[in-house]
Protein backbone atom coordinates (compact mmCIF):
# COMPACT_ATOMS: atom_id res chain seq x y z
CA UNK A 1 -81.67 -186.24 -68.02
CA UNK A 2 -78.66 -183.68 -69.24
CA UNK A 3 -78.89 -180.53 -67.46
CA UNK A 4 -79.58 -178.82 -70.20
CA UNK A 5 -83.05 -180.60 -70.72
CA UNK A 6 -83.91 -180.54 -67.08
CA UNK A 7 -83.42 -176.74 -67.92
CA UNK A 8 -85.66 -176.36 -70.53
CA UNK A 9 -88.42 -179.17 -68.81
CA UNK A 10 -88.50 -176.63 -65.91
CA UNK A 11 -89.18 -173.64 -68.08
CA UNK A 12 -91.43 -175.09 -69.22
CA UNK A 13 -92.89 -176.13 -66.46
CA UNK A 14 -93.28 -172.97 -65.59
CA UNK A 15 -94.29 -171.33 -68.60
CA UNK A 16 -98.14 -169.67 -67.96
CA UNK A 17 -99.46 -171.16 -70.87
CA UNK A 18 -99.06 -174.55 -69.48
CA UNK A 19 -98.09 -175.80 -73.07
CA UNK A 20 -97.86 -179.33 -72.81
CA UNK A 21 -96.00 -180.15 -76.07
CA UNK A 22 -92.54 -178.60 -74.73
CA UNK A 23 -93.07 -180.80 -72.13
CA UNK A 24 -94.20 -183.85 -74.30
CA UNK A 25 -91.19 -183.63 -76.56
CA UNK A 26 -88.64 -183.91 -73.11
CA UNK A 27 -90.00 -186.11 -71.31
CA UNK A 28 -90.60 -188.34 -74.18
CA UNK A 29 -86.84 -188.36 -75.54
CA UNK A 30 -85.73 -188.88 -72.12
CA UNK A 31 -88.31 -191.59 -72.19
CA UNK A 32 -87.37 -193.48 -75.17
CA UNK A 33 -83.19 -193.17 -73.86
CA UNK A 34 -84.49 -194.85 -70.31
CA UNK A 35 -86.51 -197.74 -72.02
CA UNK A 36 -83.38 -198.59 -74.06
CA UNK A 37 -81.10 -197.99 -70.91
CA UNK A 38 -83.49 -200.77 -69.00
CA UNK A 39 -83.44 -203.08 -72.54
CA UNK A 40 -79.73 -203.11 -72.01
CA UNK A 41 -80.11 -203.65 -68.62
CA UNK A 42 -82.03 -206.48 -68.64
CA UNK A 43 -79.80 -208.17 -71.07
CA UNK A 44 -76.95 -207.92 -68.76
CA UNK A 45 -79.30 -209.08 -65.99
CA UNK A 46 -79.53 -212.41 -68.14
CA UNK A 47 -76.04 -212.75 -69.00
CA UNK A 48 -74.89 -212.87 -65.42
CA UNK A 49 -77.46 -215.30 -64.40
CA UNK A 50 -76.24 -217.32 -67.19
CA UNK A 51 -72.85 -217.02 -65.22
CA UNK A 52 -73.63 -217.77 -62.34
CA UNK A 53 -75.21 -220.85 -62.82
CA UNK A 54 -72.45 -221.86 -65.22
CA UNK A 55 -70.78 -221.25 -62.08
CA UNK A 56 -72.78 -223.12 -59.35
CA UNK A 57 -72.89 -226.41 -62.54
CA UNK A 58 -68.58 -226.13 -62.40
CA UNK A 59 -69.38 -225.30 -65.82
CA UNK A 60 -65.68 -223.76 -68.20
CA UNK A 61 -65.93 -220.45 -68.46
CA UNK A 62 -64.61 -220.34 -71.77
CA UNK A 63 -67.24 -218.95 -73.31
CA UNK A 64 -68.29 -216.08 -71.17
CA UNK A 65 -64.39 -215.25 -71.16
CA UNK A 66 -64.29 -214.64 -74.75
CA UNK A 67 -68.09 -213.17 -75.13
CA UNK A 68 -68.25 -210.67 -71.78
CA UNK A 69 -71.35 -209.54 -70.15
CA UNK A 70 -72.58 -205.99 -72.55
CA UNK A 71 -75.35 -204.22 -71.67
CA UNK A 72 -74.47 -201.28 -69.48
CA UNK A 73 -72.68 -198.58 -71.70
């Protein structure tokens, strides 16, 4: 979460009216970002597992050199 998002979330949580719509909006936006990031990390994990397996089998790594792991960004 960015600092402005954290600030907005804390302010919303401290309001006496207990309005969940502001909190929900901030949290839902961040949750979507977290899920996207996790999907990218799972894809990277799959690629790294494949690379490690290829190394253990003694296979040429040309494919991985031409298509480096992605998913983090």
